[in-house]
Amino acid sequence: MKKLTATKELTHEEWLRYRKLGLGGSDAGAVCGLNPYRTAMEVYLDKTSESVEDIDNEAMRQGREFEEYVARRFMEATGKKVRRANFMYYDEENPFMLADIDRMVVGENAGLECKTASPYMADKWKDGKIPLSYQVQCHHYMSVCNADAWYIAVLVYGREFKYYRLERDGEMIADLRRIEKDFWEDNVLKRQLPEPDGSKLADSVIAEYFRKSKAQSVPLAGFDAKLGRRQQLAGEIARLETEKRKIEQELKMYLGEAELAENSSYRVSWRAVASSRLDEKRLKEERPEIYAQYQKTIQSRRFMVKAA
């Protein structure tokens, strides 16, 4: 592995710009289609755009804040010592593969990835399981750092602390290198948007990428079979939604005025919930000046399919 840059003195914006030079560990799972919270399309937009988008939320901030605690708990649990790397590394054979790692394990050719998880996500770590996107992340680091193994430690808030050791899997690393190389060369370098994956995240990326439209028409070629399949699926979905709704209606009739029904397998509730909503129609009629003051126009593209 080679050092790309020291990270200790970097500003957050500088660090984000260095990350745009290649694929990091957190990008690997998305590129492989294994990250439920990020798509390959989003990675593509991040790497090809000039702007630096600082995506952050409370969960991500807490993850950073608790990193030191997780590392300390790992040392207490294992008796091992870890140290900060303070560098961003890259793979000599594949310079687009980057690694900004949490910790290196002293005396071993291994590193440590520190994670935090909500109690609602505890099942993802149950019985020795490790989320696939995190397994890919650790093997990405093993590839870049030419490491023999990688530890991953997780703090499930308020419940438990766990750690695991992942041994180097040469076959997985070879596949990962191939997938990342194809993505970097065929998509990022050629400025070619990746294939969609059917997720709602891909919907939002496509809408943003092609936000502007032109008043022009193009020949519709090569989609007849897929459009036919779409029409078939729409009919099946409508039938299944009706069947699902019928079951729910039967359950509501069974509960009647009761709020709860349960057995050893299921728990069904139908409770009264109070919610406050803005009466836009009344506001527009009685206080049109206020309605106009807070009205916001949102421009979007409407997608429709009609049979000829």
C-alpha atoms as a PDB file:
ATOM      1  CA  MET A   1       0.000   0.000   0.000  1.00  0.00           C
ATOM      2  CA  LYS A   2       1.043   3.578  -0.618  1.00  0.00           C
ATOM      3  CA  LYS A   3       0.255   6.718   1.346  1.00  0.00           C
ATOM      4  CA  LEU A   4      -1.936   9.146  -0.573  1.00  0.00           C
ATOM      5  CA  THR A   5      -2.013  11.889   2.055  1.00  0.00           C
ATOM      6  CA  ALA A   6      -1.780  12.503   5.768  1.00  0.00           C
ATOM      7  CA  THR A   7      -5.251  13.011   7.232  1.00  0.00           C
ATOM      8  CA  LYS A   8      -4.510  14.471  10.667  1.00  0.00           C
ATOM      9  CA  GLU A   9      -4.271  18.097   9.521  1.00  0.00           C
ATOM     10  CA  LEU A  10      -6.823  17.953   6.712  1.00  0.00           C
ATOM     11  CA  THR A  11      -9.952  20.054   6.905  1.00  0.00           C
ATOM     12  CA  HIS A  12     -13.195  18.148   6.474  1.00  0.00           C
ATOM     13  CA  GLU A  13     -13.661  19.608   2.984  1.00  0.00           C
ATOM     14  CA  GLU A  14     -10.121  18.630   1.964  1.00  0.00           C
ATOM     15  CA  TRP A  15     -10.742  15.111   3.255  1.00  0.00           C
ATOM     16  CA  LEU A  16     -13.946  14.879   1.210  1.00  0.00           C
ATOM     17  CA  ARG A  17     -12.107  16.015  -1.925  1.00  0.00           C
ATOM     18  CA  TYR A  18      -9.430  13.346  -1.495  1.00  0.00           C
ATOM     19  CA  ARG A  19     -12.205  10.750  -1.204  1.00  0.00           C
ATOM     20  CA  LYS A  20     -13.411  11.773  -4.672  1.00  0.00           C
ATOM     21  CA  LEU A  21     -10.133  10.505  -6.161  1.00  0.00           C
ATOM     22  CA  GLY A  22     -11.148   6.876  -5.796  1.00  0.00           C
ATOM     23  CA  LEU A  23     -13.341   4.304  -4.093  1.00  0.00           C
ATOM     24  CA  GLY A  24     -13.167   3.985  -0.316  1.00  0.00           C
ATOM     25  CA  GLY A  25     -14.288   1.171   1.924  1.00  0.00           C
ATOM     26  CA  SER A  26     -17.753   2.629   2.440  1.00  0.00           C
ATOM     27  CA  ASP A  27     -18.164   2.920  -1.349  1.00  0.00           C
ATOM     28  CA  ALA A  28     -17.305  -0.731  -1.973  1.00  0.00           C
ATOM     29  CA  GLY A  29     -20.556  -2.195  -0.663  1.00  0.00           C
ATOM     30  CA  ALA A  30     -22.626   0.250  -2.728  1.00  0.00           C
ATOM     31  CA  VAL A  31     -20.678  -0.503  -5.906  1.00  0.00           C
ATOM     32  CA  CYS A  32     -21.300  -4.216  -5.295  1.00  0.00           C
ATOM     33  CA  GLY A  33     -25.017  -3.583  -4.777  1.00  0.00           C
ATOM     34  CA  LEU A  34     -24.908  -4.692  -1.134  1.00  0.00           C
ATOM     35  CA  ASN A  35     -25.459  -1.406   0.697  1.00  0.00           C
ATOM     36  CA  PRO A  36     -29.166  -0.913   1.528  1.00  0.00           C
ATOM     37  CA  TYR A  37     -28.628   2.803   2.162  1.00  0.00           C
ATOM     38  CA  ARG A  38     -26.533   3.794  -0.868  1.00  0.00           C
ATOM     39  CA  THR A  39     -26.489   2.872  -4.541  1.00  0.00           C
ATOM     40  CA  ALA A  40     -23.775   2.654  -7.177  1.00  0.00           C
ATOM     41  CA  MET A  41     -25.488   5.595  -8.865  1.00  0.00           C
ATOM     42  CA  GLU A  42     -24.955   7.759  -5.792  1.00  0.00           C
ATOM     43  CA  VAL A  43     -21.283   6.776  -5.658  1.00  0.00           C
ATOM     44  CA  TYR A  44     -20.971   7.688  -9.336  1.00  0.00           C
ATOM     45  CA  LEU A  45     -22.483  11.147  -8.786  1.00  0.00           C
ATOM     46  CA  ASP A  46     -20.201  11.735  -5.822  1.00  0.00           C
ATOM     47  CA  LYS A  47     -17.053  10.837  -7.771  1.00  0.00           C
ATOM     48  CA  THR A  48     -17.923  12.724 -10.965  1.00  0.00           C
ATOM     49  CA  SER A  49     -19.378  15.952  -9.583  1.00  0.00           C
ATOM     50  CA  GLU A  50     -17.250  19.015  -8.952  1.00  0.00           C
ATOM     51  CA  SER A  51     -19.099  19.945  -5.794  1.00  0.00           C
ATOM     52  CA  VAL A  52     -18.302  18.469  -2.412  1.00  0.00           C
ATOM     53  CA  GLU A  53     -21.475  17.182  -0.796  1.00  0.00           C
ATOM     54  CA  ASP A  54     -21.128  16.783   2.952  1.00  0.00           C
ATOM     55  CA  ILE A  55     -23.760  14.163   3.721  1.00  0.00           C
ATOM     56  CA  ASP A  56     -24.197  13.960   7.463  1.00  0.00           C
ATOM     57  CA  ASN A  57     -26.854  13.031   9.975  1.00  0.00           C
ATOM     58  CA  GLU A  58     -27.169  12.329  13.688  1.00  0.00           C
ATOM     59  CA  ALA A  59     -26.447   8.609  13.296  1.00  0.00           C
ATOM     60  CA  MET A  60     -23.257   9.318  11.331  1.00  0.00           C
ATOM     61  CA  ARG A  61     -22.140  11.898  13.885  1.00  0.00           C
ATOM     62  CA  GLN A  62     -22.706   9.504  16.763  1.00  0.00           C
ATOM     63  CA  GLY A  63     -20.758   6.855  14.870  1.00  0.00           C
ATOM     64  CA  ARG A  64     -17.763   9.200  14.685  1.00  0.00           C
ATOM     65  CA  GLU A  65     -18.103  10.274  18.305  1.00  0.00           C
ATOM     66  CA  PHE A  66     -18.228   6.671  19.551  1.00  0.00           C
ATOM     67  CA  GLU A  67     -15.351   5.439  17.381  1.00  0.00           C
ATOM     68  CA  GLU A  68     -12.814   6.016  20.151  1.00  0.00           C
ATOM     69  CA  TYR A  69     -15.052   4.253  22.666  1.00  0.00           C
ATOM     70  CA  VAL A  70     -15.476   1.230  20.384  1.00  0.00           C
ATOM     71  CA  ALA A  71     -11.713   1.044  19.821  1.00  0.00           C
ATOM     72  CA  ARG A  72     -11.113   1.211  23.578  1.00  0.00           C
ATOM     73  CA  ARG A  73     -13.691  -1.504  24.255  1.00  0.00           C
ATOM     74  CA  PHE A  74     -12.020  -3.681  21.616  1.00  0.00           C
ATOM     75  CA  MET A  75      -8.660  -3.331  23.369  1.00  0.00           C
ATOM     76  CA  GLU A  76     -10.231  -4.156  26.735  1.00  0.00           C
ATOM     77  CA  ALA A  77     -12.016  -7.222  25.337  1.00  0.00           C
ATOM     78  CA  THR A  78      -9.072  -8.634  23.377  1.00  0.00           C
ATOM     79  CA  GLY A  79      -5.971  -7.402  25.196  1.00  0.00           C
ATOM     80  CA  LYS A  80      -4.692  -6.113  21.846  1.00  0.00           C
ATOM     81  CA  LYS A  81      -3.429  -2.629  21.139  1.00  0.00           C
ATOM     82  CA  VAL A  82      -4.571  -0.468  18.261  1.00  0.00           C
ATOM     83  CA  ARG A  83      -3.287   2.805  16.837  1.00  0.00           C
ATOM     84  CA  ARG A  84      -4.571   5.452  14.485  1.00  0.00           C
ATOM     85  CA  ALA A  85      -3.164   5.344  10.965  1.00  0.00           C
ATOM     86  CA  ASN A  86      -3.545   9.090  10.219  1.00  0.00           C
ATOM     87  CA  PHE A  87      -3.087   8.459   6.500  1.00  0.00           C
ATOM     88  CA  MET A  88      -5.231   7.753   3.479  1.00  0.00           C
ATOM     89  CA  TYR A  89      -3.768   4.849   1.530  1.00  0.00           C
ATOM     90  CA  TYR A  90      -4.143   3.574  -2.015  1.00  0.00           C
ATOM     91  CA  ASP A  91      -3.555   0.262  -3.750  1.00  0.00           C
ATOM     92  CA  GLU A  92      -0.435   0.287  -5.947  1.00  0.00           C
ATOM     93  CA  GLU A  93      -1.982  -2.021  -8.558  1.00  0.00           C
ATOM     94  CA  ASN A  94      -5.354  -0.273  -8.475  1.00  0.00           C
ATOM     95  CA  PRO A  95      -4.718   3.366  -7.470  1.00  0.00           C
ATOM     96  CA  PHE A  96      -8.455   4.126  -7.440  1.00  0.00           C
ATOM     97  CA  MET A  97      -8.890   1.832  -4.424  1.00  0.00           C
ATOM     98  CA  LEU A  98      -8.507   4.020  -1.332  1.00  0.00           C
ATOM     99  CA  ALA A  99      -8.461   3.226   2.381  1.00  0.00           C
ATOM    100  CA  ASP A 100      -9.034   5.645   5.233  1.00  0.00           C
ATOM    101  CA  ILE A 101      -9.068   3.151   8.073  1.00  0.00           C
ATOM    102  CA  ASP A 102     -10.206   3.501  11.680  1.00  0.00           C
ATOM    103  CA  ARG A 103      -7.336   1.701  13.418  1.00  0.00           C
ATOM    104  CA  MET A 104      -4.385  -0.624  12.794  1.00  0.00           C
ATOM    105  CA  VAL A 105      -3.784  -3.513  15.197  1.00  0.00           C
ATOM    106  CA  VAL A 106      -0.308  -3.355  16.747  1.00  0.00           C
ATOM    107  CA  GLY A 107       1.820  -6.464  16.186  1.00  0.00           C
ATOM    108  CA  GLU A 108      -0.495  -7.908  13.521  1.00  0.00           C
ATOM    109  CA  ASN A 109      -0.930  -7.385   9.805  1.00  0.00           C
ATOM    110  CA  ALA A 110      -4.524  -6.412  10.452  1.00  0.00           C
ATOM    111  CA  GLY A 111      -6.798  -3.438  11.037  1.00  0.00           C
ATOM    112  CA  LEU A 112      -9.938  -2.596  12.961  1.00  0.00           C
ATOM    113  CA  GLU A 113     -13.226  -1.196  11.706  1.00  0.00           C
ATOM    114  CA  CYS A 114     -15.369   0.450  14.406  1.00  0.00           C
ATOM    115  CA  LYS A 115     -19.159   0.416  14.031  1.00  0.00           C
ATOM    116  CA  THR A 116     -22.197   1.497  16.004  1.00  0.00           C
ATOM    117  CA  ALA A 117     -25.715   0.151  15.549  1.00  0.00           C
ATOM    118  CA  SER A 118     -29.209   1.011  16.708  1.00  0.00           C
ATOM    119  CA  PRO A 119     -30.947  -1.580  18.913  1.00  0.00           C
ATOM    120  CA  TYR A 120     -33.451  -1.900  16.061  1.00  0.00           C
ATOM    121  CA  MET A 121     -30.601  -3.216  13.886  1.00  0.00           C
ATOM    122  CA  ALA A 122     -29.348  -5.709  16.466  1.00  0.00           C
ATOM    123  CA  ASP A 123     -30.711  -8.649  14.456  1.00  0.00           C
ATOM    124  CA  LYS A 124     -28.276  -7.785  11.664  1.00  0.00           C
ATOM    125  CA  TRP A 125     -25.472  -8.767  14.072  1.00  0.00           C
ATOM    126  CA  LYS A 126     -27.221 -11.726  15.702  1.00  0.00           C
ATOM    127  CA  ASP A 127     -25.591 -15.182  15.947  1.00  0.00           C
ATOM    128  CA  GLY A 128     -22.252 -14.063  14.533  1.00  0.00           C
ATOM    129  CA  LYS A 129     -23.728 -12.357  11.490  1.00  0.00           C
ATOM    130  CA  ILE A 130     -21.986  -9.352   9.937  1.00  0.00           C
ATOM    131  CA  PRO A 131     -23.843  -7.176   7.385  1.00  0.00           C
ATOM    132  CA  LEU A 132     -22.555  -7.983   3.894  1.00  0.00           C
ATOM    133  CA  SER A 133     -21.680  -4.379   3.068  1.00  0.00           C
ATOM    134  CA  TYR A 134     -19.378  -4.289   6.127  1.00  0.00           C
ATOM    135  CA  GLN A 135     -17.748  -7.575   5.143  1.00  0.00           C
ATOM    136  CA  VAL A 136     -17.009  -6.059   1.729  1.00  0.00           C
ATOM    137  CA  GLN A 137     -15.666  -2.918   3.399  1.00  0.00           C
ATOM    138  CA  CYS A 138     -13.220  -4.944   5.501  1.00  0.00           C
ATOM    139  CA  HIS A 139     -12.011  -6.950   2.494  1.00  0.00           C
ATOM    140  CA  HIS A 140     -11.572  -3.715   0.565  1.00  0.00           C
ATOM    141  CA  TYR A 141      -9.227  -2.541   3.322  1.00  0.00           C
ATOM    142  CA  MET A 142      -7.424  -5.889   3.344  1.00  0.00           C
ATOM    143  CA  SER A 143      -6.876  -5.504  -0.376  1.00  0.00           C
ATOM    144  CA  VAL A 144      -5.506  -1.964  -0.200  1.00  0.00           C
ATOM    145  CA  CYS A 145      -3.378  -2.617   2.902  1.00  0.00           C
ATOM    146  CA  ASN A 146      -2.350  -6.148   1.854  1.00  0.00           C
ATOM    147  CA  ALA A 147      -3.504  -7.314   5.284  1.00  0.00           C
ATOM    148  CA  ASP A 148      -3.964 -10.880   6.487  1.00  0.00           C
ATOM    149  CA  ALA A 149      -7.132 -10.155   8.464  1.00  0.00           C
ATOM    150  CA  TRP A 150      -9.451  -7.395   9.615  1.00  0.00           C
ATOM    151  CA  TYR A 151     -11.344  -6.996  12.874  1.00  0.00           C
ATOM    152  CA  ILE A 152     -14.745  -5.387  13.072  1.00  0.00           C
ATOM    153  CA  ALA A 153     -16.204  -4.233  16.391  1.00  0.00           C
ATOM    154  CA  VAL A 154     -19.748  -3.021  16.929  1.00  0.00           C
ATOM    155  CA  LEU A 155     -21.476  -1.239  19.766  1.00  0.00           C
ATOM    156  CA  VAL A 156     -25.219  -1.873  19.789  1.00  0.00           C
ATOM    157  CA  TYR A 157     -26.427   1.177  21.714  1.00  0.00           C
ATOM    158  CA  GLY A 158     -27.553   0.310  25.215  1.00  0.00           C
ATOM    159  CA  ARG A 159     -27.349  -3.448  24.636  1.00  0.00           C
ATOM    160  CA  GLU A 160     -24.012  -5.048  23.875  1.00  0.00           C
ATOM    161  CA  PHE A 161     -20.543  -4.891  22.395  1.00  0.00           C
ATOM    162  CA  LYS A 162     -19.268  -7.464  19.895  1.00  0.00           C
ATOM    163  CA  TYR A 163     -16.204  -8.002  17.775  1.00  0.00           C
ATOM    164  CA  TYR A 164     -15.239 -10.407  15.004  1.00  0.00           C
ATOM    165  CA  ARG A 165     -12.147 -11.315  13.033  1.00  0.00           C
ATOM    166  CA  LEU A 166     -12.427 -11.648   9.267  1.00  0.00           C
ATOM    167  CA  GLU A 167      -9.721 -13.715   7.609  1.00  0.00           C
ATOM    168  CA  ARG A 168      -8.448 -12.678   4.210  1.00  0.00           C
ATOM    169  CA  ASP A 169     -10.487 -14.289   1.435  1.00  0.00           C
ATOM    170  CA  GLY A 170      -8.448 -14.192  -1.764  1.00  0.00           C
ATOM    171  CA  GLU A 171     -11.393 -15.097  -3.993  1.00  0.00           C
ATOM    172  CA  MET A 172     -13.597 -12.381  -2.524  1.00  0.00           C
ATOM    173  CA  ILE A 173     -10.832  -9.807  -2.881  1.00  0.00           C
ATOM    174  CA  ALA A 174     -10.247 -10.792  -6.525  1.00  0.00           C
ATOM    175  CA  ASP A 175     -13.963 -10.358  -7.257  1.00  0.00           C
ATOM    176  CA  LEU A 176     -14.029  -7.063  -5.395  1.00  0.00           C
ATOM    177  CA  ARG A 177     -11.054  -5.707  -7.330  1.00  0.00           C
ATOM    178  CA  ARG A 178     -12.695  -6.675 -10.623  1.00  0.00           C
ATOM    179  CA  ILE A 179     -16.046  -5.091  -9.711  1.00  0.00           C
ATOM    180  CA  GLU A 180     -14.454  -1.866  -8.468  1.00  0.00           C
ATOM    181  CA  LYS A 181     -12.145  -1.656 -11.494  1.00  0.00           C
ATOM    182  CA  ASP A 182     -15.038  -2.130 -13.909  1.00  0.00           C
ATOM    183  CA  PHE A 183     -17.058   0.532 -12.097  1.00  0.00           C
ATOM    184  CA  TRP A 184     -14.189   3.021 -12.004  1.00  0.00           C
ATOM    185  CA  GLU A 185     -13.092   2.528 -15.627  1.00  0.00           C
ATOM    186  CA  ASP A 186     -16.462   1.902 -17.317  1.00  0.00           C
ATOM    187  CA  ASN A 187     -18.595   4.316 -15.314  1.00  0.00           C
ATOM    188  CA  VAL A 188     -16.577   6.992 -13.515  1.00  0.00           C
ATOM    189  CA  LEU A 189     -13.819   7.577 -16.081  1.00  0.00           C
ATOM    190  CA  LYS A 190     -16.181   7.273 -19.058  1.00  0.00           C
ATOM    191  CA  ARG A 191     -18.844   9.400 -17.355  1.00  0.00           C
ATOM    192  CA  GLN A 192     -21.412   6.642 -17.858  1.00  0.00           C
ATOM    193  CA  LEU A 193     -24.224   6.423 -15.306  1.00  0.00           C
ATOM    194  CA  PRO A 194     -24.426   2.869 -13.847  1.00  0.00           C
ATOM    195  CA  GLU A 195     -27.368   0.606 -14.606  1.00  0.00           C
ATOM    196  CA  PRO A 196     -30.385   1.188 -12.318  1.00  0.00           C
ATOM    197  CA  ASP A 197     -31.140  -1.394  -9.636  1.00  0.00           C
ATOM    198  CA  GLY A 198     -34.849  -0.811  -9.099  1.00  0.00           C
ATOM    199  CA  SER A 199     -34.426   0.864  -5.703  1.00  0.00           C
ATOM    200  CA  LYS A 200     -36.162   4.058  -4.568  1.00  0.00           C
ATOM    201  CA  LEU A 201     -32.693   5.533  -4.094  1.00  0.00           C
ATOM    202  CA  ALA A 202     -32.012   4.991  -7.796  1.00  0.00           C
ATOM    203  CA  ASP A 203     -35.282   6.825  -8.553  1.00  0.00           C
ATOM    204  CA  SER A 204     -34.079   9.905  -6.687  1.00  0.00           C
ATOM    205  CA  VAL A 205     -30.638   9.826  -8.324  1.00  0.00           C
ATOM    206  CA  ILE A 206     -32.083   9.537 -11.851  1.00  0.00           C
ATOM    207  CA  ALA A 207     -34.551  12.359 -11.136  1.00  0.00           C
ATOM    208  CA  GLU A 208     -31.710  14.607  -9.967  1.00  0.00           C
ATOM    209  CA  TYR A 209     -29.307  13.621 -12.763  1.00  0.00           C
ATOM    210  CA  PHE A 210     -31.890  14.279 -15.494  1.00  0.00           C
ATOM    211  CA  ARG A 211     -33.699  17.069 -13.666  1.00  0.00           C
ATOM    212  CA  LYS A 212     -33.865  19.331 -16.748  1.00  0.00           C
ATOM    213  CA  SER A 213     -35.885  18.340 -19.796  1.00  0.00           C
ATOM    214  CA  LYS A 214     -36.075  19.435 -23.423  1.00  0.00           C
ATOM    215  CA  ALA A 215     -39.178  19.668 -25.589  1.00  0.00           C
ATOM    216  CA  GLN A 216     -38.089  16.930 -27.930  1.00  0.00           C
ATOM    217  CA  SER A 217     -39.154  13.400 -28.858  1.00  0.00           C
ATOM    218  CA  VAL A 218     -36.920  10.374 -29.423  1.00  0.00           C
ATOM    219  CA  PRO A 219     -37.756   7.026 -31.066  1.00  0.00           C
ATOM    220  CA  LEU A 220     -38.814   4.352 -28.555  1.00  0.00           C
ATOM    221  CA  ALA A 221     -36.685   1.371 -29.558  1.00  0.00           C
ATOM    222  CA  GLY A 222     -35.783  -1.848 -27.766  1.00  0.00           C
ATOM    223  CA  PHE A 223     -38.260  -1.548 -24.898  1.00  0.00           C
ATOM    224  CA  ASP A 224     -41.402  -3.296 -26.140  1.00  0.00           C
ATOM    225  CA  ALA A 225     -40.709  -6.513 -24.204  1.00  0.00           C
ATOM    226  CA  LYS A 226     -39.870  -4.627 -20.997  1.00  0.00           C
ATOM    227  CA  LEU A 227     -42.895  -2.360 -21.318  1.00  0.00           C
ATOM    228  CA  GLY A 228     -45.062  -5.429 -21.817  1.00  0.00           C
ATOM    229  CA  ARG A 229     -43.556  -6.955 -18.693  1.00  0.00           C
ATOM    230  CA  ARG A 230     -44.151  -3.673 -16.826  1.00  0.00           C
ATOM    231  CA  GLN A 231     -47.821  -3.772 -17.811  1.00  0.00           C
ATOM    232  CA  GLN A 232     -48.050  -7.374 -16.637  1.00  0.00           C
ATOM    233  CA  LEU A 233     -46.384  -6.525 -13.315  1.00  0.00           C
ATOM    234  CA  ALA A 234     -48.693  -3.540 -12.794  1.00  0.00           C
ATOM    235  CA  GLY A 235     -51.674  -5.866 -13.090  1.00  0.00           C
ATOM    236  CA  GLU A 236     -50.151  -8.398 -10.683  1.00  0.00           C
ATOM    237  CA  ILE A 237     -49.272  -5.681  -8.166  1.00  0.00           C
ATOM    238  CA  ALA A 238     -52.816  -4.284  -8.299  1.00  0.00           C
ATOM    239  CA  ARG A 239     -54.239  -7.782  -7.711  1.00  0.00           C
ATOM    240  CA  LEU A 240     -51.847  -8.430  -4.811  1.00  0.00           C
ATOM    241  CA  GLU A 241     -52.582  -5.028  -3.260  1.00  0.00           C
ATOM    242  CA  THR A 242     -56.291  -5.808  -3.398  1.00  0.00           C
ATOM    243  CA  GLU A 243     -55.718  -9.211  -1.781  1.00  0.00           C
ATOM    244  CA  LYS A 244     -53.575  -7.623   0.929  1.00  0.00           C
ATOM    245  CA  ARG A 245     -56.163  -4.917   1.571  1.00  0.00           C
ATOM    246  CA  LYS A 246     -58.944  -7.538   1.815  1.00  0.00           C
ATOM    247  CA  ILE A 247     -57.011  -9.428   4.520  1.00  0.00           C
ATOM    248  CA  GLU A 248     -56.507  -6.177   6.425  1.00  0.00           C
ATOM    249  CA  GLN A 249     -60.219  -5.369   6.141  1.00  0.00           C
ATOM    250  CA  GLU A 250     -61.129  -8.829   7.490  1.00  0.00           C
ATOM    251  CA  LEU A 251     -58.793  -8.270  10.435  1.00  0.00           C
ATOM    252  CA  LYS A 252     -60.347  -4.876  11.170  1.00  0.00           C
ATOM    253  CA  MET A 253     -63.816  -6.432  11.153  1.00  0.00           C
ATOM    254  CA  TYR A 254     -62.553  -9.162  13.495  1.00  0.00           C
ATOM    255  CA  LEU A 255     -61.130  -6.586  15.942  1.00  0.00           C
ATOM    256  CA  GLY A 256     -64.240  -4.419  15.803  1.00  0.00           C
ATOM    257  CA  GLU A 257     -63.822  -1.880  18.616  1.00  0.00           C
ATOM    258  CA  ALA A 258     -60.891  -3.754  20.174  1.00  0.00           C
ATOM    259  CA  GLU A 259     -57.450  -2.178  19.737  1.00  0.00           C
ATOM    260  CA  LEU A 260     -55.337  -5.327  19.955  1.00  0.00           C
ATOM    261  CA  ALA A 261     -55.350  -8.994  18.959  1.00  0.00           C
ATOM    262  CA  GLU A 262     -52.392 -11.331  19.404  1.00  0.00           C
ATOM    263  CA  ASN A 263     -51.282 -14.946  19.512  1.00  0.00           C
ATOM    264  CA  SER A 264     -47.952 -16.750  19.671  1.00  0.00           C
ATOM    265  CA  SER A 265     -47.103 -15.748  16.077  1.00  0.00           C
ATOM    266  CA  TYR A 266     -48.600 -12.319  15.406  1.00  0.00           C
ATOM    267  CA  ARG A 267     -49.647  -9.095  17.098  1.00  0.00           C
ATOM    268  CA  VAL A 268     -52.224  -6.940  15.321  1.00  0.00           C
ATOM    269  CA  SER A 269     -53.153  -3.464  16.530  1.00  0.00           C
ATOM    270  CA  TRP A 270     -55.742  -0.965  15.324  1.00  0.00           C
ATOM    271  CA  ARG A 271     -55.534   2.067  17.562  1.00  0.00           C
ATOM    272  CA  ALA A 272     -56.860   5.599  17.266  1.00  0.00           C
ATOM    273  CA  VAL A 273     -54.098   8.047  16.333  1.00  0.00           C
ATOM    274  CA  ALA A 274     -54.496  11.813  16.466  1.00  0.00           C
ATOM    275  CA  SER A 275     -52.607  13.902  13.926  1.00  0.00           C
ATOM    276  CA  SER A 276     -52.652  17.575  12.989  1.00  0.00           C
ATOM    277  CA  ARG A 277     -52.830  18.597   9.345  1.00  0.00           C
ATOM    278  CA  LEU A 278     -52.919  21.951   7.649  1.00  0.00           C
ATOM    279  CA  ASP A 279     -56.268  22.689   5.998  1.00  0.00           C
ATOM    280  CA  GLU A 280     -54.830  24.158   2.797  1.00  0.00           C
ATOM    281  CA  LYS A 281     -58.224  24.680   1.159  1.00  0.00           C
ATOM    282  CA  ARG A 282     -59.520  26.736   4.068  1.00  0.00           C
ATOM    283  CA  LEU A 283     -56.285  28.694   4.385  1.00  0.00           C
ATOM    284  CA  LYS A 284     -56.359  29.533   0.684  1.00  0.00           C
ATOM    285  CA  GLU A 285     -59.978  30.721   0.898  1.00  0.00           C
ATOM    286  CA  GLU A 286     -59.775  32.709   4.165  1.00  0.00           C
ATOM    287  CA  ARG A 287     -56.157  33.974   4.170  1.00  0.00           C
ATOM    288  CA  PRO A 288     -55.008  33.942   0.532  1.00  0.00           C
ATOM    289  CA  GLU A 289     -52.189  36.431   1.210  1.00  0.00           C
ATOM    290  CA  ILE A 290     -50.628  34.103   3.813  1.00  0.00           C
ATOM    291  CA  TYR A 291     -51.164  31.077   1.574  1.00  0.00           C
ATOM    292  CA  ALA A 292     -49.393  32.858  -1.296  1.00  0.00           C
ATOM    293  CA  GLN A 293     -46.542  33.956   0.974  1.00  0.00           C
ATOM    294  CA  TYR A 294     -45.664  30.388   1.991  1.00  0.00           C
ATOM    295  CA  GLN A 295     -46.515  28.639  -1.250  1.00  0.00           C
ATOM    296  CA  LYS A 296     -43.524  26.947  -2.901  1.00  0.00           C
ATOM    297  CA  THR A 297     -43.295  25.753  -6.467  1.00  0.00           C
ATOM    298  CA  ILE A 298     -41.496  22.437  -6.895  1.00  0.00           C
ATOM    299  CA  GLN A 299     -40.526  21.422 -10.390  1.00  0.00           C
ATOM    300  CA  SER A 300     -40.275  17.744 -11.260  1.00  0.00           C
ATOM    301  CA  ARG A 301     -40.731  15.454 -14.248  1.00  0.00           C
ATOM    302  CA  ARG A 302     -43.817  13.234 -14.436  1.00  0.00           C
ATOM    303  CA  PHE A 303     -43.265   9.752 -15.880  1.00  0.00           C
ATOM    304  CA  MET A 304     -46.174   8.099 -17.688  1.00  0.00           C
ATOM    305  CA  VAL A 305     -46.630   5.059 -19.916  1.00  0.00           C
ATOM    306  CA  LYS A 306     -49.630   4.651 -22.222  1.00  0.00           C
ATOM    307  CA  ALA A 307     -50.423   1.891 -24.665  1.00  0.00           C
ATOM    308  CA  ALA A 308     -50.554   3.051 -28.285  1.00  0.00           C
END
